Amino acid sequence: ELTGNDVRALAWSGRHLWVAAMGAGLTRVQDPAGDPAFRQYATNIAGLDVVAVTGRLIGNSERVFYGTAGDGLGLITDGLSSAVYTAEQDGLISNTVNDVHFLGDDLFIATPAGVSRFADNIFTDENTGLSELAVRDLDLDADGNLVAGGMGGVFRWDEGTGTWSRVSGMTGNVMRITTFEGSLFALDVTGDVYQEVGGVWTERPHGEYGCSAVFGGTGLWIG
């Protein structure tokens, strides 16, 4: 009962699992580890080409933000499509969204034109320090700092100065980043995975196949 099989992102909000599908919108899954119940969001949302999703509980309210490939950023509040944000109307830096990630109460949005920050219902551009504006992925490092991966490599956000700084000289063309057991991992466009330890990036073995996804949880997962 998914909206589509071309799955681009998954997120756990604290209440539901959300599944983003290219060309097909979103699916909300209740009790995914037990007796899953599915609700499809394939109409009345920002666009069906959904490539990123994140969610959290604020009090008793579930807020889910999703990014699209060209139609802006959408918000679903307690199961109801409640807002669509675009570059033309709201100041979002680009209508093509690659990733979305919370840092505290603020939402950061990665796009081909840089990073937008959504705080107090206002969008601001946060590109200072990036060597290339095309940012593909956002995550938190082991210390809870926001990190970004993209064409210019891997960068860490400094909340105090409002700037990005390169992490340990990583200049590769990065597709995905994640944190596992205190280390940052980066997947580049060639399908190779690198681990940052003590300020040095080292390629990690991953078998004979190129990689397309990496995720650190209780284990390190490579797809």
C-alpha atoms as a PDB file:
ATOM      1  CA  GLU A   1       0.000   0.000   0.000  1.00  0.00           C
ATOM      2  CA  LEU A   2       2.878   2.398  -0.666  1.00  0.00           C
ATOM      3  CA  THR A   3       2.199   5.253  -3.052  1.00  0.00           C
ATOM      4  CA  GLY A   4       5.087   4.009  -5.223  1.00  0.00           C
ATOM      5  CA  ASN A   5       8.096   1.698  -5.289  1.00  0.00           C
ATOM      6  CA  ASP A   6      10.755   4.290  -6.217  1.00  0.00           C
ATOM      7  CA  VAL A   7      11.570   5.095  -2.588  1.00  0.00           C
ATOM      8  CA  ARG A   8      13.919   8.061  -2.034  1.00  0.00           C
ATOM      9  CA  ALA A   9      13.785   8.735   1.730  1.00  0.00           C
ATOM     10  CA  LEU A  10      12.489   7.412   5.050  1.00  0.00           C
ATOM     11  CA  ALA A  11      11.860   9.204   8.335  1.00  0.00           C
ATOM     12  CA  TRP A  12      10.576   8.282  11.786  1.00  0.00           C
ATOM     13  CA  SER A  13       8.698  11.186  13.395  1.00  0.00           C
ATOM     14  CA  GLY A  14       8.316   9.608  16.822  1.00  0.00           C
ATOM     15  CA  ARG A  15       4.803   8.493  15.904  1.00  0.00           C
ATOM     16  CA  HIS A  16       4.864   7.245  12.309  1.00  0.00           C
ATOM     17  CA  LEU A  17       7.228   6.031   9.605  1.00  0.00           C
ATOM     18  CA  TRP A  18       7.103   8.276   6.524  1.00  0.00           C
ATOM     19  CA  VAL A  19       8.090   6.974   3.087  1.00  0.00           C
ATOM     20  CA  ALA A  20       8.911   9.382   0.235  1.00  0.00           C
ATOM     21  CA  ALA A  21       8.480   8.106  -3.323  1.00  0.00           C
ATOM     22  CA  MET A  22       9.600   9.730  -6.556  1.00  0.00           C
ATOM     23  CA  GLY A  23       6.596  10.576  -8.699  1.00  0.00           C
ATOM     24  CA  ALA A  24       4.141   9.233  -6.132  1.00  0.00           C
ATOM     25  CA  GLY A  25       4.109  11.419  -3.012  1.00  0.00           C
ATOM     26  CA  LEU A  26       4.247  10.152   0.568  1.00  0.00           C
ATOM     27  CA  THR A  27       3.041   7.189   2.592  1.00  0.00           C
ATOM     28  CA  ARG A  28       2.482   7.310   6.356  1.00  0.00           C
ATOM     29  CA  VAL A  29       2.929   3.961   8.118  1.00  0.00           C
ATOM     30  CA  GLN A  30       1.463   3.474  11.573  1.00  0.00           C
ATOM     31  CA  ASP A  31       2.972   0.700  13.767  1.00  0.00           C
ATOM     32  CA  PRO A  32       5.489  -0.452  11.116  1.00  0.00           C
ATOM     33  CA  ALA A  33       7.051  -3.104  13.378  1.00  0.00           C
ATOM     34  CA  GLY A  34       3.717  -4.588  14.455  1.00  0.00           C
ATOM     35  CA  ASP A  35       0.493  -4.374  12.478  1.00  0.00           C
ATOM     36  CA  PRO A  36       1.254  -1.663   9.897  1.00  0.00           C
ATOM     37  CA  ALA A  37      -1.514   0.589   8.632  1.00  0.00           C
ATOM     38  CA  PHE A  38      -0.885   2.743   5.564  1.00  0.00           C
ATOM     39  CA  ARG A  39      -2.176   6.175   4.591  1.00  0.00           C
ATOM     40  CA  GLN A  40      -1.271   7.608   1.223  1.00  0.00           C
ATOM     41  CA  TYR A  41      -0.525  11.264   0.505  1.00  0.00           C
ATOM     42  CA  ALA A  42      -0.633  11.422  -3.267  1.00  0.00           C
ATOM     43  CA  THR A  43      -2.823  14.493  -3.763  1.00  0.00           C
ATOM     44  CA  ASN A  44      -3.075  17.970  -2.227  1.00  0.00           C
ATOM     45  CA  ILE A  45       0.640  18.156  -1.433  1.00  0.00           C
ATOM     46  CA  ALA A  46       3.428  20.301  -2.870  1.00  0.00           C
ATOM     47  CA  GLY A  47       4.363  17.820  -5.590  1.00  0.00           C
ATOM     48  CA  LEU A  48       4.519  14.105  -6.204  1.00  0.00           C
ATOM     49  CA  ASP A  49       8.295  13.967  -6.823  1.00  0.00           C
ATOM     50  CA  VAL A  50       9.139  13.645  -3.107  1.00  0.00           C
ATOM     51  CA  VAL A  51      12.837  13.026  -2.431  1.00  0.00           C
ATOM     52  CA  ALA A  52      13.332  14.022   1.221  1.00  0.00           C
ATOM     53  CA  VAL A  53      11.342  13.837   4.452  1.00  0.00           C
ATOM     54  CA  THR A  54      11.832  14.462   8.155  1.00  0.00           C
ATOM     55  CA  GLY A  55       9.491  14.696  11.110  1.00  0.00           C
ATOM     56  CA  ARG A  56       9.308  15.238  14.842  1.00  0.00           C
ATOM     57  CA  LEU A  57       6.859  15.650  17.693  1.00  0.00           C
ATOM     58  CA  ILE A  58       6.458  19.168  19.073  1.00  0.00           C
ATOM     59  CA  GLY A  59       4.412  18.692  22.207  1.00  0.00           C
ATOM     60  CA  ASN A  60       1.612  16.397  21.089  1.00  0.00           C
ATOM     61  CA  SER A  61       1.744  17.652  17.502  1.00  0.00           C
ATOM     62  CA  GLU A  62       3.439  15.716  14.694  1.00  0.00           C
ATOM     63  CA  ARG A  63       5.196  17.994  12.168  1.00  0.00           C
ATOM     64  CA  VAL A  64       6.483  16.420   8.954  1.00  0.00           C
ATOM     65  CA  PHE A  65       8.438  18.404   6.349  1.00  0.00           C
ATOM     66  CA  TYR A  66       9.023  16.944   2.903  1.00  0.00           C
ATOM     67  CA  GLY A  67      11.097  18.188  -0.016  1.00  0.00           C
ATOM     68  CA  THR A  68      10.310  17.822  -3.685  1.00  0.00           C
ATOM     69  CA  ALA A  69      12.272  17.816  -6.921  1.00  0.00           C
ATOM     70  CA  GLY A  70      11.120  21.198  -8.176  1.00  0.00           C
ATOM     71  CA  ASP A  71       7.904  22.007  -6.307  1.00  0.00           C
ATOM     72  CA  GLY A  72       9.262  23.352  -3.023  1.00  0.00           C
ATOM     73  CA  LEU A  73       8.895  22.297   0.596  1.00  0.00           C
ATOM     74  CA  GLY A  74       5.729  20.943   2.143  1.00  0.00           C
ATOM     75  CA  LEU A  75       4.474  20.603   5.709  1.00  0.00           C
ATOM     76  CA  ILE A  76       2.037  18.041   7.106  1.00  0.00           C
ATOM     77  CA  THR A  77       0.719  18.780  10.591  1.00  0.00           C
ATOM     78  CA  ASP A  78      -1.016  15.984  12.496  1.00  0.00           C
ATOM     79  CA  GLY A  79      -1.805  14.207   9.256  1.00  0.00           C
ATOM     80  CA  LEU A  80      -3.143  17.241   7.382  1.00  0.00           C
ATOM     81  CA  SER A  81      -1.334  18.982   4.518  1.00  0.00           C
ATOM     82  CA  SER A  82      -0.975  22.445   6.036  1.00  0.00           C
ATOM     83  CA  ALA A  83       1.541  24.467   4.013  1.00  0.00           C
ATOM     84  CA  VAL A  84       3.627  24.568   0.838  1.00  0.00           C
ATOM     85  CA  TYR A  85       6.689  26.836   0.738  1.00  0.00           C
ATOM     86  CA  THR A  86       8.346  27.981  -2.493  1.00  0.00           C
ATOM     87  CA  ALA A  87      11.179  30.225  -3.601  1.00  0.00           C
ATOM     88  CA  GLU A  88       8.813  32.640  -5.319  1.00  0.00           C
ATOM     89  CA  GLN A  89       6.394  33.148  -2.427  1.00  0.00           C
ATOM     90  CA  ASP A  90       8.374  32.459   0.756  1.00  0.00           C
ATOM     91  CA  GLY A  91      12.093  32.930   0.117  1.00  0.00           C
ATOM     92  CA  LEU A  92      13.107  29.276   0.030  1.00  0.00           C
ATOM     93  CA  ILE A  93      16.511  29.280  -1.666  1.00  0.00           C
ATOM     94  CA  SER A  94      15.441  26.730  -4.322  1.00  0.00           C
ATOM     95  CA  ASN A  95      12.326  24.739  -5.166  1.00  0.00           C
ATOM     96  CA  THR A  96      14.477  21.647  -5.683  1.00  0.00           C
ATOM     97  CA  VAL A  97      15.089  20.129  -2.259  1.00  0.00           C
ATOM     98  CA  ASN A  98      17.745  17.440  -1.764  1.00  0.00           C
ATOM     99  CA  ASP A  99      17.447  16.890   1.991  1.00  0.00           C
ATOM    100  CA  VAL A 100      15.821  18.273   5.139  1.00  0.00           C
ATOM    101  CA  HIS A 101      17.139  18.014   8.702  1.00  0.00           C
ATOM    102  CA  PHE A 102      16.312  19.515  12.090  1.00  0.00           C
ATOM    103  CA  LEU A 103      18.930  21.251  14.223  1.00  0.00           C
ATOM    104  CA  GLY A 104      17.121  21.938  17.466  1.00  0.00           C
ATOM    105  CA  ASP A 105      13.852  23.603  16.538  1.00  0.00           C
ATOM    106  CA  ASP A 106      15.171  24.943  13.220  1.00  0.00           C
ATOM    107  CA  LEU A 107      14.847  23.160   9.895  1.00  0.00           C
ATOM    108  CA  PHE A 108      17.759  23.189   7.437  1.00  0.00           C
ATOM    109  CA  ILE A 109      17.053  22.518   3.754  1.00  0.00           C
ATOM    110  CA  ALA A 110      19.769  21.317   1.351  1.00  0.00           C
ATOM    111  CA  THR A 111      19.351  22.304  -2.290  1.00  0.00           C
ATOM    112  CA  PRO A 112      21.418  22.677  -5.491  1.00  0.00           C
ATOM    113  CA  ALA A 113      21.570  26.429  -4.738  1.00  0.00           C
ATOM    114  CA  GLY A 114      22.793  26.124  -1.155  1.00  0.00           C
ATOM    115  CA  VAL A 115      21.167  25.786   2.263  1.00  0.00           C
ATOM    116  CA  SER A 116      17.996  27.426   3.564  1.00  0.00           C
ATOM    117  CA  ARG A 117      17.163  27.719   7.244  1.00  0.00           C
ATOM    118  CA  PHE A 118      13.531  27.819   8.383  1.00  0.00           C
ATOM    119  CA  ALA A 119      13.141  29.391  11.823  1.00  0.00           C
ATOM    120  CA  ASP A 120      10.271  31.427  13.286  1.00  0.00           C
ATOM    121  CA  ASN A 121       8.422  30.984   9.971  1.00  0.00           C
ATOM    122  CA  ILE A 122      11.171  32.796   8.046  1.00  0.00           C
ATOM    123  CA  PHE A 123      13.627  31.411   5.480  1.00  0.00           C
ATOM    124  CA  THR A 124      17.232  32.626   5.470  1.00  0.00           C
ATOM    125  CA  ASP A 125      20.140  31.661   3.205  1.00  0.00           C
ATOM    126  CA  GLU A 126      23.008  29.972   5.068  1.00  0.00           C
ATOM    127  CA  ASN A 127      25.836  29.577   2.539  1.00  0.00           C
ATOM    128  CA  THR A 128      28.785  31.374   4.128  1.00  0.00           C
ATOM    129  CA  GLY A 129      31.855  29.152   3.987  1.00  0.00           C
ATOM    130  CA  LEU A 130      30.589  26.674   1.384  1.00  0.00           C
ATOM    131  CA  SER A 131      33.001  26.245  -1.523  1.00  0.00           C
ATOM    132  CA  GLU A 132      30.215  24.863  -3.745  1.00  0.00           C
ATOM    133  CA  LEU A 133      26.524  25.627  -3.325  1.00  0.00           C
ATOM    134  CA  ALA A 134      25.191  22.229  -4.415  1.00  0.00           C
ATOM    135  CA  VAL A 135      24.459  20.438  -1.113  1.00  0.00           C
ATOM    136  CA  ARG A 136      22.958  16.961  -1.259  1.00  0.00           C
ATOM    137  CA  ASP A 137      22.801  15.637   2.303  1.00  0.00           C
ATOM    138  CA  LEU A 138      22.551  16.833   5.911  1.00  0.00           C
ATOM    139  CA  ASP A 139      23.206  14.971   9.147  1.00  0.00           C
ATOM    140  CA  LEU A 140      24.431  15.424  12.725  1.00  0.00           C
ATOM    141  CA  ASP A 141      27.918  14.433  13.840  1.00  0.00           C
ATOM    142  CA  ALA A 142      28.683  12.642  17.099  1.00  0.00           C
ATOM    143  CA  ASP A 143      28.690  15.961  18.985  1.00  0.00           C
ATOM    144  CA  GLY A 144      25.315  17.044  17.611  1.00  0.00           C
ATOM    145  CA  ASN A 145      26.729  19.525  15.090  1.00  0.00           C
ATOM    146  CA  LEU A 146      25.053  19.857  11.691  1.00  0.00           C
ATOM    147  CA  VAL A 147      27.180  18.586   8.791  1.00  0.00           C
ATOM    148  CA  ALA A 148      26.547  18.949   5.067  1.00  0.00           C
ATOM    149  CA  GLY A 149      27.774  16.916   2.105  1.00  0.00           C
ATOM    150  CA  GLY A 150      27.837  18.012  -1.507  1.00  0.00           C
ATOM    151  CA  MET A 151      29.936  18.959  -4.511  1.00  0.00           C
ATOM    152  CA  GLY A 152      32.452  20.823  -2.322  1.00  0.00           C
ATOM    153  CA  GLY A 153      32.972  17.980   0.151  1.00  0.00           C
ATOM    154  CA  VAL A 154      31.873  17.815   3.806  1.00  0.00           C
ATOM    155  CA  PHE A 155      31.245  20.923   5.924  1.00  0.00           C
ATOM    156  CA  ARG A 156      30.336  21.526   9.563  1.00  0.00           C
ATOM    157  CA  TRP A 157      27.974  24.302  10.675  1.00  0.00           C
ATOM    158  CA  ASP A 158      29.077  26.734  13.400  1.00  0.00           C
ATOM    159  CA  GLU A 159      25.963  28.101  15.067  1.00  0.00           C
ATOM    160  CA  GLY A 160      27.906  30.852  16.829  1.00  0.00           C
ATOM    161  CA  THR A 161      29.402  32.399  13.704  1.00  0.00           C
ATOM    162  CA  GLY A 162      26.742  31.312  11.212  1.00  0.00           C
ATOM    163  CA  THR A 163      29.341  29.800   8.876  1.00  0.00           C
ATOM    164  CA  TRP A 164      30.347  26.451   7.395  1.00  0.00           C
ATOM    165  CA  SER A 165      33.882  25.053   7.632  1.00  0.00           C
ATOM    166  CA  ARG A 166      35.370  22.114   5.756  1.00  0.00           C
ATOM    167  CA  VAL A 167      35.742  18.886   7.735  1.00  0.00           C
ATOM    168  CA  SER A 168      39.313  17.577   7.690  1.00  0.00           C
ATOM    169  CA  GLY A 169      40.049  18.595   4.125  1.00  0.00           C
ATOM    170  CA  MET A 170      37.384  16.399   2.478  1.00  0.00           C
ATOM    171  CA  THR A 171      36.986  17.865  -1.021  1.00  0.00           C
ATOM    172  CA  GLY A 172      35.362  14.896  -2.790  1.00  0.00           C
ATOM    173  CA  ASN A 173      32.021  15.124  -4.569  1.00  0.00           C
ATOM    174  CA  VAL A 174      29.862  13.770  -1.761  1.00  0.00           C
ATOM    175  CA  MET A 175      26.432  12.200  -2.171  1.00  0.00           C
ATOM    176  CA  ARG A 176      25.622  11.032   1.375  1.00  0.00           C
ATOM    177  CA  ILE A 177      26.979  11.457   4.889  1.00  0.00           C
ATOM    178  CA  THR A 178      26.260   9.684   8.164  1.00  0.00           C
ATOM    179  CA  THR A 179      27.654   9.169  11.659  1.00  0.00           C
ATOM    180  CA  PHE A 180      28.519   5.813  13.198  1.00  0.00           C
ATOM    181  CA  GLU A 181      30.406   5.075  16.448  1.00  0.00           C
ATOM    182  CA  GLY A 182      31.682   8.637  16.699  1.00  0.00           C
ATOM    183  CA  SER A 183      33.006   8.868  13.121  1.00  0.00           C
ATOM    184  CA  LEU A 184      31.713  10.627  10.045  1.00  0.00           C
ATOM    185  CA  PHE A 185      31.266   8.553   6.891  1.00  0.00           C
ATOM    186  CA  ALA A 186      30.938  10.009   3.399  1.00  0.00           C
ATOM    187  CA  LEU A 187      29.765   8.371   0.174  1.00  0.00           C
ATOM    188  CA  ASP A 188      31.088  10.012  -2.987  1.00  0.00           C
ATOM    189  CA  VAL A 189      29.725  10.020  -6.527  1.00  0.00           C
ATOM    190  CA  THR A 190      32.012   7.170  -7.583  1.00  0.00           C
ATOM    191  CA  GLY A 191      30.347   4.820  -5.078  1.00  0.00           C
ATOM    192  CA  ASP A 192      33.220   4.771  -2.576  1.00  0.00           C
ATOM    193  CA  VAL A 193      32.811   5.179   1.195  1.00  0.00           C
ATOM    194  CA  TYR A 194      35.242   7.169   3.357  1.00  0.00           C
ATOM    195  CA  GLN A 195      35.594   7.363   7.140  1.00  0.00           C
ATOM    196  CA  GLU A 196      36.962  10.374   9.018  1.00  0.00           C
ATOM    197  CA  VAL A 197      39.095   9.486  12.052  1.00  0.00           C
ATOM    198  CA  GLY A 198      41.465  11.890  13.774  1.00  0.00           C
ATOM    199  CA  GLY A 199      41.284  14.410  10.968  1.00  0.00           C
ATOM    200  CA  VAL A 200      42.061  11.887   8.221  1.00  0.00           C
ATOM    201  CA  TRP A 201      39.630  10.463   5.640  1.00  0.00           C
ATOM    202  CA  THR A 202      40.259   6.795   4.779  1.00  0.00           C
ATOM    203  CA  GLU A 203      38.500   4.724   2.128  1.00  0.00           C
ATOM    204  CA  ARG A 204      36.660   1.765   3.663  1.00  0.00           C
ATOM    205  CA  PRO A 205      36.202  -1.614   1.941  1.00  0.00           C
ATOM    206  CA  HIS A 206      32.640  -2.382   0.896  1.00  0.00           C
ATOM    207  CA  GLY A 207      32.839  -5.352  -1.464  1.00  0.00           C
ATOM    208  CA  GLU A 208      32.950  -5.375  -5.229  1.00  0.00           C
ATOM    209  CA  TYR A 209      29.943  -3.146  -5.899  1.00  0.00           C
ATOM    210  CA  GLY A 210      29.628   0.619  -5.959  1.00  0.00           C
ATOM    211  CA  CYS A 211      27.515   2.102  -3.176  1.00  0.00           C
ATOM    212  CA  SER A 212      24.429   4.291  -3.448  1.00  0.00           C
ATOM    213  CA  ALA A 213      23.429   4.740   0.214  1.00  0.00           C
ATOM    214  CA  VAL A 214      25.016   4.766   3.670  1.00  0.00           C
ATOM    215  CA  PHE A 215      23.402   5.020   7.107  1.00  0.00           C
ATOM    216  CA  GLY A 216      24.740   4.789  10.638  1.00  0.00           C
ATOM    217  CA  GLY A 217      22.413   3.520  13.361  1.00  0.00           C
ATOM    218  CA  THR A 218      23.055   0.628  15.718  1.00  0.00           C
ATOM    219  CA  GLY A 219      25.182  -0.671  12.838  1.00  0.00           C
ATOM    220  CA  LEU A 220      26.664   0.825   9.698  1.00  0.00           C
ATOM    221  CA  TRP A 221      24.488   0.085   6.686  1.00  0.00           C
ATOM    222  CA  ILE A 222      25.731   0.404   3.101  1.00  0.00           C
ATOM    223  CA  GLY A 223      23.454  -0.093   0.097  1.00  0.00           C
END
